[in-house]
Amino acid sequence: MAGPGSSGEISVFHWLALERIPRVGPLTIARLMKAFGSPQAAMEAPAKDICRKAGLNENLSRSIVEFMPPHQDIVRDMEILERLNVRLMTRWDPDYPKNLSEIYDPPALLFVRGGFLPQDEKAVAVVGTRNPSRYGLEMTEKITRDLVRAGATVVSGLARGIDTACHKAALKDGGRTVAVLGCGTDVVYPRENKQLIEQMSAEAVVVTEFRPGTPPLATNFYRRNRIVSGLAKGVVVVECTRNSGSLITAGHALDQNRDVFAVPGSVMNVRSQGPHHLLKQGAGLVESADDILEALFEPPKAKSQPSLFEFSSADQGLSDTARAVVEAIDPDPVPIDLLCETLKMDAGALSAVLLELELNGLIRQHPGKMFSRILR
């Protein structure tokens, strides 16, 4: 089979051809590589040798031999990879992610923008709903920030909501983060994350097992989720319903012998059903990143951040009244009338304290004179 000119181009060409053969997935490619050592040798071998050496049935062996690679389509894909500076990484490359190599069906091919580092072995996946509450977003940002400050790489799926919040928080704090796509590297999904994808390609890692041009089909995300969990030592679920894809990721994690963690929420919030279900099944309860770090890695020498109702040194100027108001406010919005009743304060005096706390970045005001505590 003729391909492009240089030896490197020929190798890429044959990899892209082999993964296009119907019914040839990661496990079959692994058997072919073990038997023949290269995709070109496997595709050029007689069907009887494929049957005998790779242990494949006659029909599949014959389909491999008879497959006619779509030359123009493959060359187009190669041009896209070059234009976007995407590396075609194979399972047999020495720098293939170690965590991912240990799962049952690691991808034979990865299309990688950016680059993996040895430190990415210390990784935690953070996943959740595409429609989070303010509490869910703030917990995601806080957990992510504390994980990357402890030297962990944070993995997620670049979806709307919790995934996006996770990646942005890691980048904002100068940490390592990996995004796993359910589409080709040249496909921007979701559309509003175009700038984030470019930033991650330059500063972190964007990876997929799907060739260029692959649309974000629903069936792709089941395969994507196994990579999200496979790249990490454990998976943290923040807000999702019982039918969420985040629980599929948690299921993959269990199959891969990974630890699963869940962030509890309000029993009145439907988004808490998924995490609470996992907690009932024995998932680790997460109140802070320390719960994850202590379970997966060496215990932190000190608390990474003040806990939910502790004050930092920057808050020393707060009056006792202001501190009491902060401690009376939940992460979920609370109406000022309820605060007045709880604190036995009139609305005028309380409003002045609330303004002070808002200016100090301790609380947030919502429509309808509702206030919530900002997690730090």
Foldseek 3Di string as FASTA:
>chain_A
DDADDDPVRVQQLLVVQQCPQPPCFQVLVVLLCVQQVGSVRLLCDQLVSCCVRSVDDSVSSVSSNPDDGPRVVSVVLVVVCVVQVWDWDALPDPVDQPLQNLFPRRGRIKTKQADDDPLQLAEEEEDEDLDDDLVLLLQLLQQLLLQQVVSYEYEYAPHHDSRVSNLVSQVVNVGEYEHEYLFALVDDPPPVCPVVSVVCSVRYMYMYSYGPPGDNDPVSVLVSLLVRLSSHQEYEYGFQACPDCSVSSVVSNVSSVHAYEYEADDPVDRRRHNRVVVVVVPHHYDQHNQSVCVVRHPRDPDDSDDGFLDDDPVCVPDDPLLSVLLVVFAQDWDALVVSCVVSVHDSVVVVVSVVVCVVVVQWDADPPRIIHGRGD
